[in-house]
Amino acid sequence: MRARTSDGSRSAGVVPLLAGVVSAIALTGAAVYTVTEARCEPGHYVTDGRQVTLIGSCVSGAELREAGHERPGPEDASPSNFRP
C-alpha cells in the first residue's frame, strides 16, 4: 500500500514563492519608473591630477552645503576617509 501525500504542503510552499516574485517585480518596476522620471544628466568625473571633480549630475555642491555635508578639510584627510 502506498502512503498518501498531501498536496497542502506543496501548495503552501508556492504561496511565499509567488509573493516574493510579485514583490520583486513591483520593486523593480518602481525603481525603473523612478530612474526614468529623474530629469537629470548623468554625471562624470574629471581629474586634474590633484583632485577628482564631479561634472554634471542631479546634485550640486551648493545643495550638499545646504544639507550640512561639507567636504572634509586637509586636517580630516586620512586614508580611512579618502574616496577618489
PDB file of N, CA and C in Angstrom:
ATOM      1  N   MET A   1       0.829  -1.158   0.000  1.00  0.00           N
ATOM      2  CA  MET A   1       0.000   0.000   0.000  1.00  0.00           C
ATOM      3  C   MET A   1       0.890   1.242   0.000  1.00  0.00           C
ATOM      4  N   ARG A   2       0.567   2.184  -0.838  1.00  0.00           N
ATOM      5  CA  ARG A   2       1.318   3.426  -0.953  1.00  0.00           C
ATOM      6  C   ARG A   2       0.865   4.444   0.085  1.00  0.00           C
ATOM      7  N   ALA A   3       1.846   5.227   0.588  1.00  0.00           N
ATOM      8  CA  ALA A   3       1.496   6.279   1.543  1.00  0.00           C
ATOM      9  C   ALA A   3       0.902   7.453   0.782  1.00  0.00           C
ATOM     10  N   ARG A   4      -0.107   8.014   1.350  1.00  0.00           N
ATOM     11  CA  ARG A   4      -0.744   9.174   0.708  1.00  0.00           C
ATOM     12  C   ARG A   4       0.014  10.437   1.088  1.00  0.00           C
ATOM     13  N   THR A   5       0.259  11.263   0.117  1.00  0.00           N
ATOM     14  CA  THR A   5       0.905  12.547   0.378  1.00  0.00           C
ATOM     15  C   THR A   5      -0.124  13.639   0.218  1.00  0.00           C
ATOM     16  N   SER A   6       0.030  14.650   1.000  1.00  0.00           N
ATOM     17  CA  SER A   6      -0.921  15.755   0.957  1.00  0.00           C
ATOM     18  C   SER A   6      -0.425  16.809  -0.019  1.00  0.00           C
ATOM     19  N   ASP A   7      -1.342  17.363  -0.808  1.00  0.00           N
ATOM     20  CA  ASP A   7      -0.994  18.457  -1.714  1.00  0.00           C
ATOM     21  C   ASP A   7      -0.896  19.775  -0.959  1.00  0.00           C
ATOM     22  N   GLY A   8      -1.333  19.790   0.287  1.00  0.00           N
ATOM     23  CA  GLY A   8      -1.298  21.012   1.079  1.00  0.00           C
ATOM     24  C   GLY A   8       0.108  21.521   1.315  1.00  0.00           C
ATOM     25  N   SER A   9       1.049  20.641   1.569  1.00  0.00           N
ATOM     26  CA  SER A   9       2.412  21.085   1.830  1.00  0.00           C
ATOM     27  C   SER A   9       3.076  21.625   0.577  1.00  0.00           C
ATOM     28  N   ARG A  10       2.726  21.076  -0.577  1.00  0.00           N
ATOM     29  CA  ARG A  10       3.295  21.548  -1.833  1.00  0.00           C
ATOM     30  C   ARG A  10       2.759  22.940  -2.162  1.00  0.00           C
ATOM     31  N   SER A  11       1.471  23.161  -2.002  1.00  0.00           N
ATOM     32  CA  SER A  11       0.901  24.468  -2.321  1.00  0.00           C
ATOM     33  C   SER A  11       1.284  25.511  -1.277  1.00  0.00           C
ATOM     34  N   ALA A  12       1.576  25.103  -0.063  1.00  0.00           N
ATOM     35  CA  ALA A  12       1.993  26.046   0.973  1.00  0.00           C
ATOM     36  C   ALA A  12       3.359  26.646   0.641  1.00  0.00           C
ATOM     37  N   GLY A  13       4.197  25.938  -0.069  1.00  0.00           N
ATOM     38  CA  GLY A  13       5.492  26.470  -0.464  1.00  0.00           C
ATOM     39  C   GLY A  13       5.421  27.390  -1.666  1.00  0.00           C
ATOM     40  N   VAL A  14       4.347  27.264  -2.445  1.00  0.00           N
ATOM     41  CA  VAL A  14       4.190  28.080  -3.646  1.00  0.00           C
ATOM     42  C   VAL A  14       3.758  29.500  -3.295  1.00  0.00           C
ATOM     43  N   VAL A  15       2.947  29.666  -2.277  1.00  0.00           N
ATOM     44  CA  VAL A  15       2.419  30.984  -1.922  1.00  0.00           C
ATOM     45  C   VAL A  15       3.546  31.946  -1.523  1.00  0.00           C
ATOM     46  N   PRO A  16       4.466  31.589  -0.638  1.00  0.00           N
ATOM     47  CA  PRO A  16       5.560  32.516  -0.330  1.00  0.00           C
ATOM     48  C   PRO A  16       6.459  32.794  -1.534  1.00  0.00           C
ATOM     49  N   LEU A  17       6.675  31.799  -2.363  1.00  0.00           N
ATOM     50  CA  LEU A  17       7.475  31.991  -3.566  1.00  0.00           C
ATOM     51  C   LEU A  17       6.795  32.982  -4.500  1.00  0.00           C
ATOM     52  N   LEU A  18       5.513  32.813  -4.700  1.00  0.00           N
ATOM     53  CA  LEU A  18       4.750  33.718  -5.567  1.00  0.00           C
ATOM     54  C   LEU A  18       4.737  35.134  -4.986  1.00  0.00           C
ATOM     55  N   ALA A  19       4.574  35.256  -3.670  1.00  0.00           N
ATOM     56  CA  ALA A  19       4.587  36.578  -3.037  1.00  0.00           C
ATOM     57  C   ALA A  19       5.951  37.249  -3.217  1.00  0.00           C
ATOM     58  N   GLY A  20       7.015  36.491  -3.104  1.00  0.00           N
ATOM     59  CA  GLY A  20       8.354  37.054  -3.301  1.00  0.00           C
ATOM     60  C   GLY A  20       8.590  37.522  -4.717  1.00  0.00           C
ATOM     61  N   VAL A  21       8.137  36.729  -5.693  1.00  0.00           N
ATOM     62  CA  VAL A  21       8.301  37.101  -7.105  1.00  0.00           C
ATOM     63  C   VAL A  21       7.486  38.349  -7.423  1.00  0.00           C
ATOM     64  N   VAL A  22       6.248  38.408  -6.938  1.00  0.00           N
ATOM     65  CA  VAL A  22       5.391  39.574  -7.203  1.00  0.00           C
ATOM     66  C   VAL A  22       5.985  40.828  -6.566  1.00  0.00           C
ATOM     67  N   SER A  23       6.487  40.731  -5.339  1.00  0.00           N
ATOM     68  CA  SER A  23       7.072  41.913  -4.706  1.00  0.00           C
ATOM     69  C   SER A  23       8.363  42.338  -5.410  1.00  0.00           C
ATOM     70  N   ALA A  24       9.156  41.396  -5.900  1.00  0.00           N
ATOM     71  CA  ALA A  24      10.374  41.737  -6.640  1.00  0.00           C
ATOM     72  C   ALA A  24      10.037  42.461  -7.933  1.00  0.00           C
ATOM     73  N   ILE A  25       9.000  42.000  -8.617  1.00  0.00           N
ATOM     74  CA  ILE A  25       8.572  42.662  -9.856  1.00  0.00           C
ATOM     75  C   ILE A  25       8.073  44.067  -9.560  1.00  0.00           C
ATOM     76  N   ALA A  26       7.305  44.226  -8.475  1.00  0.00           N
ATOM     77  CA  ALA A  26       6.790  45.552  -8.118  1.00  0.00           C
ATOM     78  C   ALA A  26       7.924  46.507  -7.764  1.00  0.00           C
ATOM     79  N   LEU A  27       8.904  46.049  -6.993  1.00  0.00           N
ATOM     80  CA  LEU A  27      10.028  46.912  -6.626  1.00  0.00           C
ATOM     81  C   LEU A  27      10.892  47.258  -7.829  1.00  0.00           C
ATOM     82  N   THR A  28      11.071  46.315  -8.733  1.00  0.00           N
ATOM     83  CA  THR A  28      11.831  46.592  -9.952  1.00  0.00           C
ATOM     84  C   THR A  28      11.117  47.635 -10.795  1.00  0.00           C
ATOM     85  N   GLY A  29       9.807  47.498 -10.918  1.00  0.00           N
ATOM     86  CA  GLY A  29       9.028  48.488 -11.668  1.00  0.00           C
ATOM     87  C   GLY A  29       9.118  49.865 -11.043  1.00  0.00           C
ATOM     88  N   ALA A  30       9.061  49.945  -9.713  1.00  0.00           N
ATOM     89  CA  ALA A  30       9.175  51.238  -9.038  1.00  0.00           C
ATOM     90  C   ALA A  30      10.548  51.852  -9.257  1.00  0.00           C
ATOM     91  N   ALA A  31      11.596  51.035  -9.237  1.00  0.00           N
ATOM     92  CA  ALA A  31      12.955  51.548  -9.460  1.00  0.00           C
ATOM     93  C   ALA A  31      13.123  52.062 -10.886  1.00  0.00           C
ATOM     94  N   VAL A  32      12.619  51.314 -11.852  1.00  0.00           N
ATOM     95  CA  VAL A  32      12.720  51.744 -13.255  1.00  0.00           C
ATOM     96  C   VAL A  32      11.941  53.035 -13.462  1.00  0.00           C
ATOM     97  N   TYR A  33      10.760  53.140 -12.892  1.00  0.00           N
ATOM     98  CA  TYR A  33       9.957  54.362 -13.016  1.00  0.00           C
ATOM     99  C   TYR A  33      10.687  55.550 -12.398  1.00  0.00           C
ATOM    100  N   THR A  34      11.278  55.365 -11.230  1.00  0.00           N
ATOM    101  CA  THR A  34      11.984  56.450 -10.558  1.00  0.00           C
ATOM    102  C   THR A  34      13.166  56.935 -11.384  1.00  0.00           C
ATOM    103  N   VAL A  35      13.914  56.025 -11.955  1.00  0.00           N
ATOM    104  CA  VAL A  35      15.082  56.404 -12.756  1.00  0.00           C
ATOM    105  C   VAL A  35      14.658  57.111 -14.033  1.00  0.00           C
ATOM    106  N   THR A  36      13.604  56.640 -14.686  1.00  0.00           N
ATOM    107  CA  THR A  36      13.178  57.282 -15.932  1.00  0.00           C
ATOM    108  C   THR A  36      12.570  58.651 -15.682  1.00  0.00           C
ATOM    109  N   GLU A  37      12.015  58.881 -14.509  1.00  0.00           N
ATOM    110  CA  GLU A  37      11.414  60.179 -14.202  1.00  0.00           C
ATOM    111  C   GLU A  37      12.403  61.181 -13.616  1.00  0.00           C
ATOM    112  N   ALA A  38      13.601  60.758 -13.251  1.00  0.00           N
ATOM    113  CA  ALA A  38      14.618  61.662 -12.714  1.00  0.00           C
ATOM    114  C   ALA A  38      15.193  62.463 -13.879  1.00  0.00           C
ATOM    115  N   ARG A  39      14.785  63.663 -13.998  1.00  0.00           N
ATOM    116  CA  ARG A  39      15.168  64.510 -15.134  1.00  0.00           C
ATOM    117  C   ARG A  39      16.523  65.177 -14.898  1.00  0.00           C
ATOM    118  N   CYS A  40      17.577  64.409 -15.008  1.00  0.00           N
ATOM    119  CA  CYS A  40      18.903  64.989 -14.854  1.00  0.00           C
ATOM    120  C   CYS A  40      19.886  64.248 -15.746  1.00  0.00           C
ATOM    121  N   GLU A  41      20.990  64.913 -16.000  1.00  0.00           N
ATOM    122  CA  GLU A  41      22.047  64.307 -16.807  1.00  0.00           C
ATOM    123  C   GLU A  41      22.905  63.415 -15.922  1.00  0.00           C
ATOM    124  N   PRO A  42      23.356  62.295 -16.445  1.00  0.00           N
ATOM    125  CA  PRO A  42      24.290  61.509 -15.641  1.00  0.00           C
ATOM    126  C   PRO A  42      25.611  62.264 -15.528  1.00  0.00           C
ATOM    127  N   GLY A  43      26.182  62.257 -14.367  1.00  0.00           N
ATOM    128  CA  GLY A  43      27.443  62.958 -14.150  1.00  0.00           C
ATOM    129  C   GLY A  43      28.631  62.132 -14.595  1.00  0.00           C
ATOM    130  N   HIS A  44      29.762  62.781 -14.706  1.00  0.00           N
ATOM    131  CA  HIS A  44      31.011  62.089 -14.994  1.00  0.00           C
ATOM    132  C   HIS A  44      32.114  62.768 -14.183  1.00  0.00           C
ATOM    133  N   TYR A  45      33.165  62.028 -13.922  1.00  0.00           N
ATOM    134  CA  TYR A  45      34.253  62.525 -13.091  1.00  0.00           C
ATOM    135  C   TYR A  45      35.421  62.969 -13.967  1.00  0.00           C
ATOM    136  N   VAL A  46      36.017  64.102 -13.583  1.00  0.00           N
ATOM    137  CA  VAL A  46      37.174  64.651 -14.271  1.00  0.00           C
ATOM    138  C   VAL A  46      38.265  64.851 -13.229  1.00  0.00           C
ATOM    139  N   THR A  47      39.486  64.434 -13.558  1.00  0.00           N
ATOM    140  CA  THR A  47      40.602  64.611 -12.642  1.00  0.00           C
ATOM    141  C   THR A  47      41.631  65.549 -13.258  1.00  0.00           C
ATOM    142  N   ASP A  48      42.215  66.388 -12.412  1.00  0.00           N
ATOM    143  CA  ASP A  48      43.265  67.286 -12.891  1.00  0.00           C
ATOM    144  C   ASP A  48      44.615  66.911 -12.299  1.00  0.00           C
ATOM    145  N   GLY A  49      44.745  65.706 -11.768  1.00  0.00           N
ATOM    146  CA  GLY A  49      45.994  65.255 -11.192  1.00  0.00           C
ATOM    147  C   GLY A  49      46.021  65.390  -9.682  1.00  0.00           C
ATOM    148  N   ARG A  50      45.295  66.380  -9.136  1.00  0.00           N
ATOM    149  CA  ARG A  50      45.280  66.577  -7.689  1.00  0.00           C
ATOM    150  C   ARG A  50      43.931  66.200  -7.082  1.00  0.00           C
ATOM    151  N   GLN A  51      42.864  66.459  -7.782  1.00  0.00           N
ATOM    152  CA  GLN A  51      41.537  66.191  -7.235  1.00  0.00           C
ATOM    153  C   GLN A  51      40.618  65.669  -8.320  1.00  0.00           C
ATOM    154  N   VAL A  52      39.562  65.018  -7.895  1.00  0.00           N
ATOM    155  CA  VAL A  52      38.547  64.487  -8.797  1.00  0.00           C
ATOM    156  C   VAL A  52      37.294  65.326  -8.610  1.00  0.00           C
ATOM    157  N   THR A  53      36.719  65.784  -9.718  1.00  0.00           N
ATOM    158  CA  THR A  53      35.544  66.642  -9.672  1.00  0.00           C
ATOM    159  C   THR A  53      34.403  65.984 -10.427  1.00  0.00           C
ATOM    160  N   LEU A  54      33.212  66.023  -9.841  1.00  0.00           N
ATOM    161  CA  LEU A  54      32.007  65.521 -10.490  1.00  0.00           C
ATOM    162  C   LEU A  54      31.430  66.624 -11.353  1.00  0.00           C
ATOM    163  N   ILE A  55      31.291  66.357 -12.655  1.00  0.00           N
ATOM    164  CA  ILE A  55      30.750  67.326 -13.601  1.00  0.00           C
ATOM    165  C   ILE A  55      29.373  66.839 -14.033  1.00  0.00           C
ATOM    166  N   GLY A  56      28.387  67.702 -13.903  1.00  0.00           N
ATOM    167  CA  GLY A  56      27.029  67.333 -14.251  1.00  0.00           C
ATOM    168  C   GLY A  56      26.494  66.325 -13.253  1.00  0.00           C
ATOM    169  N   SER A  57      25.239  66.387 -12.949  1.00  0.00           N
ATOM    170  CA  SER A  57      24.629  65.457 -12.017  1.00  0.00           C
ATOM    171  C   SER A  57      23.330  66.073 -11.535  1.00  0.00           C
ATOM    172  N   CYS A  58      22.601  65.337 -10.754  1.00  0.00           N
ATOM    173  CA  CYS A  58      21.359  65.854 -10.185  1.00  0.00           C
ATOM    174  C   CYS A  58      21.615  66.690  -8.941  1.00  0.00           C
ATOM    175  N   VAL A  59      22.790  66.573  -8.351  1.00  0.00           N
ATOM    176  CA  VAL A  59      23.104  67.252  -7.098  1.00  0.00           C
ATOM    177  C   VAL A  59      24.265  68.198  -7.326  1.00  0.00           C
ATOM    178  N   SER A  60      24.116  69.416  -6.831  1.00  0.00           N
ATOM    179  CA  SER A  60      25.210  70.384  -6.934  1.00  0.00           C
ATOM    180  C   SER A  60      25.898  70.509  -5.583  1.00  0.00           C
ATOM    181  N   GLY A  61      27.080  71.095  -5.582  1.00  0.00           N
ATOM    182  CA  GLY A  61      27.808  71.305  -4.337  1.00  0.00           C
ATOM    183  C   GLY A  61      27.063  72.214  -3.383  1.00  0.00           C
ATOM    184  N   ALA A  62      26.344  73.200  -3.922  1.00  0.00           N
ATOM    185  CA  ALA A  62      25.565  74.112  -3.081  1.00  0.00           C
ATOM    186  C   ALA A  62      24.470  73.357  -2.329  1.00  0.00           C
ATOM    187  N   GLU A  63      23.853  72.400  -2.994  1.00  0.00           N
ATOM    188  CA  GLU A  63      22.815  71.610  -2.325  1.00  0.00           C
ATOM    189  C   GLU A  63      23.402  70.774  -1.210  1.00  0.00           C
ATOM    190  N   LEU A  64      24.611  70.266  -1.399  1.00  0.00           N
ATOM    191  CA  LEU A  64      25.257  69.491  -0.346  1.00  0.00           C
ATOM    192  C   LEU A  64      25.608  70.371   0.840  1.00  0.00           C
ATOM    193  N   ARG A  65      26.101  71.595   0.582  1.00  0.00           N
ATOM    194  CA  ARG A  65      26.429  72.505   1.686  1.00  0.00           C
ATOM    195  C   ARG A  65      25.177  72.875   2.461  1.00  0.00           C
ATOM    196  N   GLU A  66      24.051  73.078   1.768  1.00  0.00           N
ATOM    197  CA  GLU A  66      22.791  73.408   2.444  1.00  0.00           C
ATOM    198  C   GLU A  66      22.331  72.263   3.330  1.00  0.00           C
ATOM    199  N   ALA A  67      22.613  71.043   2.912  1.00  0.00           N
ATOM    200  CA  ALA A  67      22.201  69.882   3.688  1.00  0.00           C
ATOM    201  C   ALA A  67      23.167  69.598   4.839  1.00  0.00           C
ATOM    202  N   GLY A  68      24.258  70.337   4.928  1.00  0.00           N
ATOM    203  CA  GLY A  68      25.206  70.151   6.017  1.00  0.00           C
ATOM    204  C   GLY A  68      26.298  69.143   5.714  1.00  0.00           C
ATOM    205  N   HIS A  69      26.462  68.790   4.461  1.00  0.00           N
ATOM    206  CA  HIS A  69      27.512  67.843   4.081  1.00  0.00           C
ATOM    207  C   HIS A  69      28.656  68.626   3.466  1.00  0.00           C
ATOM    208  N   GLU A  70      29.637  68.923   4.263  1.00  0.00           N
ATOM    209  CA  GLU A  70      30.797  69.672   3.792  1.00  0.00           C
ATOM    210  C   GLU A  70      31.889  68.709   3.368  1.00  0.00           C
ATOM    211  N   ARG A  71      32.710  69.150   2.453  1.00  0.00           N
ATOM    212  CA  ARG A  71      33.868  68.369   2.048  1.00  0.00           C
ATOM    213  C   ARG A  71      34.901  68.427   3.165  1.00  0.00           C
ATOM    214  N   PRO A  72      35.506  67.303   3.527  1.00  0.00           N
ATOM    215  CA  PRO A  72      36.484  67.330   4.619  1.00  0.00           C
ATOM    216  C   PRO A  72      37.694  68.174   4.250  1.00  0.00           C
ATOM    217  N   GLY A  73      38.191  68.894   5.230  1.00  0.00           N
ATOM    218  CA  GLY A  73      39.369  69.722   5.028  1.00  0.00           C
ATOM    219  C   GLY A  73      40.631  68.894   5.107  1.00  0.00           C
ATOM    220  N   PRO A  74      41.800  69.532   4.912  1.00  0.00           N
ATOM    221  CA  PRO A  74      43.063  68.795   4.946  1.00  0.00           C
ATOM    222  C   PRO A  74      43.307  68.112   6.293  1.00  0.00           C
ATOM    223  N   GLU A  75      42.830  68.720   7.378  1.00  0.00           N
ATOM    224  CA  GLU A  75      43.045  68.105   8.687  1.00  0.00           C
ATOM    225  C   GLU A  75      42.225  66.826   8.850  1.00  0.00           C
ATOM    226  N   ASP A  76      41.150  66.687   8.079  1.00  0.00           N
ATOM    227  CA  ASP A  76      40.323  65.486   8.141  1.00  0.00           C
ATOM    228  C   ASP A  76      40.759  64.420   7.145  1.00  0.00           C
ATOM    229  N   ALA A  77      41.702  64.757   6.277  1.00  0.00           N
ATOM    230  CA  ALA A  77      42.098  63.824   5.224  1.00  0.00           C
ATOM    231  C   ALA A  77      42.999  62.743   5.787  1.00  0.00           C
ATOM    232  N   SER A  78      42.468  61.563   5.839  1.00  0.00           N
ATOM    233  CA  SER A  78      43.260  60.416   6.249  1.00  0.00           C
ATOM    234  C   SER A  78      42.911  59.264   5.337  1.00  0.00           C
ATOM    235  N   PRO A  79      43.749  58.246   5.258  1.00  0.00           N
ATOM    236  CA  PRO A  79      43.457  57.133   4.366  1.00  0.00           C
ATOM    237  C   PRO A  79      42.119  56.456   4.663  1.00  0.00           C
ATOM    238  N   SER A  80      41.611  56.583   5.895  1.00  0.00           N
ATOM    239  CA  SER A  80      40.364  55.913   6.233  1.00  0.00           C
ATOM    240  C   SER A  80      39.145  56.592   5.608  1.00  0.00           C
ATOM    241  N   ASN A  81      39.222  57.897   5.315  1.00  0.00           N
ATOM    242  CA  ASN A  81      38.065  58.570   4.727  1.00  0.00           C
ATOM    243  C   ASN A  81      38.331  59.087   3.328  1.00  0.00           C
ATOM    244  N   PHE A  82      39.386  58.634   2.682  1.00  0.00           N
ATOM    245  CA  PHE A  82      39.716  59.070   1.331  1.00  0.00           C
ATOM    246  C   PHE A  82      38.891  58.309   0.309  1.00  0.00           C
ATOM    247  N   ARG A  83      38.196  59.045  -0.567  1.00  0.00           N
ATOM    248  CA  ARG A  83      37.435  58.431  -1.663  1.00  0.00           C
ATOM    249  C   ARG A  83      37.794  59.162  -2.946  1.00  0.00           C
ATOM    250  N   PRO A  84      38.410  58.470  -3.889  1.00  0.00           N
ATOM    251  CA  PRO A  84      38.795  59.131  -5.145  1.00  0.00           C
ATOM    252  C   PRO A  84      37.585  59.440  -6.005  1.00  0.00           C
TER     253      PRO A  84
END
